[in-house]
Each structure stands twice: as C-alpha cells, then as structure tokens.
Protein backbone atom coordinates (compact mmCIF):
# COMPACT_ATOMS: atom_id res chain seq x y z
CA MET A 1 23.35 26.06 2.70
CA ALA A 2 19.92 27.66 2.49
CA ARG A 3 17.63 26.45 -0.26
CA ARG A 4 16.16 29.07 -2.52
CA ARG A 5 13.07 28.47 -4.55
CA GLY A 6 13.98 31.43 -6.71
CA ARG A 7 17.05 29.61 -7.95
CA PHE A 8 15.55 26.19 -8.59
CA GLY A 9 11.87 26.97 -9.05
CA LEU A 10 9.20 24.29 -8.63
CA GLY A 11 10.41 22.12 -11.46
CA HIS A 12 13.57 20.72 -9.91
CA ILE A 13 12.63 18.88 -6.72
CA THR A 14 15.52 16.44 -6.98
CA ALA A 15 17.98 19.31 -7.28
CA ILE A 16 17.04 20.69 -3.88
CA LEU A 17 16.82 17.41 -1.96
CA SER A 18 19.65 16.87 0.49
CA ALA A 19 21.68 13.67 0.24
CA GLY A 20 19.74 12.28 3.22
CA GLU A 21 16.39 13.14 1.64
CA ARG A 22 17.34 11.58 -1.70
CA ARG A 23 18.47 8.43 0.12
CA THR A 24 15.21 8.33 2.06
CA PHE A 25 13.14 8.67 -1.14
CA ASN A 26 15.16 5.83 -2.72
CA ASP A 27 14.65 3.66 0.36
CA LEU A 28 10.93 4.39 0.41
CA SER A 29 10.83 3.24 -3.21
CA ARG A 30 12.39 -0.04 -2.06
CA MET A 31 9.67 -0.37 0.58
CA ILE A 32 6.95 0.17 -2.01
CA GLU A 33 8.56 -2.43 -4.27
CA LEU A 34 8.26 -4.93 -1.41
CA GLY A 35 4.57 -4.03 -1.24
CA ARG A 36 4.20 -4.65 -4.97
CA ARG A 37 5.84 -8.05 -4.62
CA ALA A 38 3.49 -8.91 -1.75
CA ASN A 39 0.54 -7.75 -3.87
CA ALA A 40 1.58 -10.09 -6.71
CA VAL A 41 1.83 -13.03 -4.31
CA MET A 42 -1.59 -12.14 -2.86
CA ILE A 43 -3.15 -12.23 -6.34
CA GLU A 44 -1.63 -15.67 -6.81
CA MET A 45 -3.07 -16.80 -3.48
CA LEU A 46 -6.54 -15.74 -4.58
CA SER A 47 -6.45 -16.93 -8.17
CA SER A 48 -4.40 -20.14 -8.31
CA SER A 49 -4.19 -23.60 -6.82
CA SER A 50 -0.60 -23.10 -5.67
CA SER A 51 0.31 -24.01 -2.12
CA LEU A 52 -1.05 -21.35 0.20
CA THR A 53 1.50 -22.36 2.80
CA ALA A 54 4.39 -21.62 0.46
CA LEU A 55 2.85 -18.35 -0.72
CA ASN A 56 2.18 -17.27 2.85
CA GLU A 57 5.85 -17.92 3.59
CA ASP A 58 6.82 -15.75 0.62
CA ILE A 59 4.83 -12.85 2.07
CA ARG A 60 6.20 -13.50 5.56
CA LEU A 61 9.72 -13.08 4.22
CA LEU A 62 8.73 -9.87 2.43
CA GLU A 63 7.21 -8.57 5.67
CA LYS A 64 10.42 -9.38 7.52
CA GLN A 65 12.46 -7.51 4.90
CA ALA A 66 10.11 -4.54 5.20
CA ASP A 67 10.53 -4.45 8.98
CA GLN A 68 14.32 -4.52 8.66
CA LEU A 69 14.32 -1.85 5.97
CA SER A 70 11.90 0.28 7.99
CA PHE A 71 14.25 0.23 10.97
CA ALA A 72 17.22 1.19 8.78
CA ILE A 73 15.33 4.04 7.08
CA ARG A 74 14.10 5.46 10.37
CA SER A 75 17.65 5.40 11.72
CA GLY A 76 18.89 7.18 8.59
CA ILE A 77 16.19 9.85 8.82
CA THR A 78 16.78 10.68 12.47
CA GLY A 79 20.56 10.62 12.11
CA GLY A 80 20.99 12.02 8.62
CA ALA A 81 20.91 15.31 6.73
CA VAL A 82 17.15 15.82 6.60
CA ASN A 83 15.21 19.06 6.76
CA PRO A 84 13.75 19.17 10.31
CA ASN A 85 10.50 20.56 8.88
CA VAL A 86 9.84 17.30 6.98
CA LEU A 87 11.34 14.78 9.42
CA ASP A 88 8.04 13.76 11.02
CA ASN A 89 6.32 13.39 7.65
CA LEU A 90 9.16 11.23 6.34
CA LEU A 91 8.91 8.98 9.39
CA GLU A 92 5.17 8.68 8.85
CA CYS A 93 5.80 7.70 5.22
CA VAL A 94 8.01 4.87 6.48
CA ASP A 95 5.27 3.70 8.84
CA LEU A 96 2.68 3.75 6.05
CA ALA A 97 4.90 1.83 3.62
CA ASP A 98 5.62 -0.75 6.32
CA SER A 99 1.93 -1.05 7.21
CA ILE A 100 1.09 -1.91 3.59
CA VAL A 101 3.32 -4.99 3.71
CA ASP A 102 2.02 -5.81 7.21
CA ASP A 103 -1.54 -5.81 5.85
CA TYR A 104 -0.61 -8.24 3.09
CA PHE A 105 0.94 -10.56 5.66
CA TRP A 106 -2.18 -10.35 7.83
CA VAL A 107 -4.41 -11.27 4.88
CA SER A 108 -2.12 -14.10 3.78
CA ARG A 109 -2.34 -15.69 7.22
CA GLU A 110 -6.11 -15.22 7.17
CA LEU A 111 -6.32 -16.99 3.80
CA LEU A 112 -4.21 -19.84 5.13
CA ARG A 113 -6.43 -20.24 8.20
CA ILE A 114 -9.73 -20.17 6.29
CA SER A 115 -8.42 -22.70 3.76
CA LYS A 116 -8.31 -25.29 6.54
CA VAL A 117 -12.02 -24.93 7.28
CA THR A 118 -14.60 -26.94 5.33
CA PHE A 119 -17.95 -25.30 4.65
CA SER A 120 -20.93 -27.19 3.27
CA ASN A 121 -23.36 -24.37 2.50
CA GLY A 122 -22.94 -24.43 -1.29
CA LEU A 123 -21.71 -20.85 -1.68
CA SER A 124 -18.83 -21.62 -4.05
CA ALA A 125 -20.25 -19.33 -6.77
CA GLN A 126 -20.57 -16.40 -4.35
CA THR A 127 -17.08 -17.05 -2.99
CA ALA A 128 -15.61 -17.09 -6.50
CA GLU A 129 -17.39 -13.81 -7.30
CA MET A 130 -16.00 -12.25 -4.15
CA GLU A 131 -12.48 -13.42 -5.00
CA THR A 132 -12.81 -11.76 -8.42
CA LEU A 133 -13.84 -8.55 -6.67
CA LEU A 134 -10.88 -8.77 -4.28
CA ILE A 135 -8.49 -9.19 -7.21
CA LYS A 136 -9.90 -5.96 -8.70
CA PHE A 137 -9.01 -4.35 -5.38
CA LEU A 138 -5.46 -5.69 -5.69
CA ASP A 139 -5.21 -4.34 -9.24
CA LEU A 140 -6.02 -0.90 -7.84
CA ALA A 141 -3.38 -1.37 -5.13
CA GLU A 142 -0.77 -2.17 -7.77
CA LYS A 143 -1.68 1.01 -9.64
CA GLY A 144 -1.55 2.99 -6.41
CA MET A 145 1.92 1.75 -5.55
CA MET A 146 3.16 2.43 -9.07
CA ILE A 147 1.93 6.01 -8.70
CA LEU A 148 3.77 6.32 -5.38
CA LEU A 149 6.96 5.18 -7.10
CA GLU A 150 6.44 7.85 -9.76
CA MET A 151 5.94 10.46 -7.05
CA LEU A 152 9.13 9.43 -5.27
CA ARG A 153 11.09 9.69 -8.51
CA ALA A 154 9.42 12.80 -9.94
CA SER A 155 11.37 16.05 -10.30
CA ASN A 156 8.42 18.37 -10.83
CA LEU A 157 6.12 19.49 -8.01
CA GLY A 158 3.25 19.93 -10.43
CA LYS A 159 3.63 16.32 -11.55
CA ILE A 160 3.72 15.13 -7.94
CA THR A 161 0.44 16.94 -7.25
CA GLU A 162 -1.11 15.50 -10.40
CA LEU A 163 -0.09 11.98 -9.38
CA ARG A 164 -1.56 12.50 -5.93
CA ASN A 165 -4.90 13.31 -7.60
CA ASP A 166 -4.64 10.05 -9.57
CA ILE A 167 -4.33 8.09 -6.31
CA GLU A 168 -7.39 9.87 -4.94
CA LEU A 169 -9.39 8.60 -7.92
CA LEU A 170 -8.13 5.05 -7.30
CA GLU A 171 -9.14 5.28 -3.65
CA GLU A 172 -12.64 6.41 -4.64
CA GLU A 173 -12.87 3.45 -7.02
CA GLY A 174 -11.75 1.22 -4.17
CA ASP A 175 -14.53 2.60 -1.96
CA ASN A 176 -17.04 1.64 -4.65
CA ILE A 177 -15.61 -1.88 -4.83
CA LYS A 178 -15.76 -2.19 -1.04
CA ASP A 179 -19.38 -1.02 -0.95
CA HIS A 180 -20.32 -3.49 -3.69
CA GLY A 181 -18.50 -6.25 -1.81
CA PHE A 182 -20.41 -5.56 1.38
CA ASP A 183 -23.67 -5.47 -0.58
CA MET A 184 -22.82 -8.94 -1.88
CA LEU A 185 -21.92 -10.16 1.59
CA TYR A 186 -25.12 -8.99 3.21
CA ALA A 187 -27.19 -10.42 0.36
CA SER A 188 -25.72 -13.87 1.13
CA ALA A 189 -25.37 -13.43 4.89
CA GLN A 190 -28.33 -15.61 5.79
CA ASP A 191 -26.73 -18.60 4.09
CA MET A 192 -23.17 -17.92 5.26
CA HIS A 193 -21.27 -19.37 8.15
CA TYR A 194 -20.24 -16.56 10.46
CA LEU A 195 -16.56 -17.35 9.79
CA GLN A 196 -17.07 -16.82 6.07
CA PHE A 197 -18.78 -13.48 6.64
CA ALA A 198 -16.12 -12.29 9.09
CA HIS A 199 -13.30 -13.50 6.83
CA LEU A 200 -14.55 -11.75 3.70
CA SER A 201 -15.44 -8.59 5.63
CA GLU A 202 -11.91 -8.36 7.00
CA MET A 203 -10.43 -8.97 3.56
CA LEU A 204 -12.43 -6.11 2.08
CA GLN A 205 -11.44 -3.81 4.92
CA LYS A 206 -7.73 -4.69 4.78
CA PHE A 207 -7.53 -4.14 1.02
CA ASP A 208 -9.26 -0.81 1.48
CA ASP A 209 -6.73 0.01 4.21
CA ILE A 210 -3.90 -0.62 1.73
CA LEU A 211 -5.38 1.89 -0.74
CA ASP A 212 -5.95 4.35 2.10
CA SER A 213 -2.28 4.02 3.07
CA CYS A 214 -1.27 4.78 -0.52
CA GLU A 215 -3.43 7.91 -0.51
CA ASP A 216 -2.14 9.01 2.90
CA MET A 217 1.45 8.55 1.77
CA ALA A 218 0.75 10.52 -1.40
CA ASP A 219 -0.58 13.39 0.72
CA LEU A 220 2.58 13.33 2.81
CA LEU A 221 4.82 13.34 -0.26
CA VAL A 222 3.04 16.44 -1.58
CA SER A 223 3.50 18.11 1.81
CA ILE A 224 7.18 17.10 2.01
CA THR A 225 8.09 18.28 -1.49
CA THR A 226 6.11 21.49 -1.08
CA THR A 227 7.93 22.27 2.17
CA ILE A 228 11.35 21.51 0.68
CA SER A 229 10.56 23.73 -2.34
CA ARG A 230 9.95 26.82 -0.21
C-alpha cells in the first residue's frame, strides 16, 4: 500500500515504517548496544588494572556477536519488506554499526600487544595523560551511540534531525581532542620509542573513526527517514 505523507505527516515515522524496516531499526539498535558494551570494556582496559587478556576476550566475543548479527540483518534487509529506495542506506548502516565494534576489537588487541613491551624512557606521566584524553574520546563515543539509539527509536523527523546535529557537535569535539592528542604526541616524540608513538597515534585515529561512523550513520538515518516520509 502506498505511503502518504499527507495522512501521517512528519511526526509519525514509526507509523509509516514497514514491518521489515521496523525490524531493521530494532536490530540496528542491538548492534549499537554491542558497541556500547565494547566501549565500556575499552574504558576498563584503559583505566583499571584488570587483566587485559580477559577484557580483550570480552571484546572479541562482542565482535563475534556483531558479525553474526550483521549477517542476519543484511539477510533480513535484502529478503524482507523494505522500501527499495532506502535498501542501500540501510545496508550501509549495518556496515557502519559493525565497523564500530570491529574498531574496538582492533584497539583491544593493540592494547594487549603494547602491554607486553617494556619501555624505559620515563614517559609514564605523558602516557597517563594520554590515557585520560582517550577516555574522554570514549565518553564522546558513548554519547554518540546513545544519540543513535534515540534516532532509531524516535517517531518525529524533526527530532531525528535535531539528534543528528547533536552528533555533529560531538564529532567536532572529538576532532579537537584528536588534535590536542597529536600535539601532545609530537611534543614528546623525541623521547618516545617509535612503537609508543605509532601505538598512541593509531589509538587516536581509531577512536576518531568510531565517532565518524556515528556521524555517518546519523546522516544515513536522516536520509532514510526523510525518504520514507515522502
């Protein structure tokens, strides 16, 4: 049955989603929740003395769940009742949500590897400062994923657009944190082992990638809901 914006207006997105689209939004929410769980474990890896091996395994299992869920969602999208005009964007949302968990797993393995290397250059204070900065990045990622969950559950297109703007502000804040982190790195570069510099550079970039993925997914959700509302 054709959808008519005149009947539902822009304030009832959930009312005009097909069963397949509603299921996909719910499944994407499950993917984002896996990302939030990985984010919480990552904060623990950076801020506690817990076993990094055990925490890395926790994230590995979350990444495995995300891969399995991603496959199931993609199958549901391509074989379900989904508006053809939003199919590609929905599939890209799945890829972005999966990539967020993949990035956490990449960083967790990197933390495990670097923990086995002993450095004797006396940069513990700088390392601790960088870890504090990285945790600020993870706090932004948590906020970004919470906003994505709100977008996936929102019924009002205006609210979805407003939430997308909130994620843009978080991403800009993340860019500032990344720039400050690189300033710190280069200020200490002369005294750093190259592995330390490479490790911390990659961490900053990966955390920025996670925020970028949140912003990209938010853009897609605005596009999807706008298209469905027409």
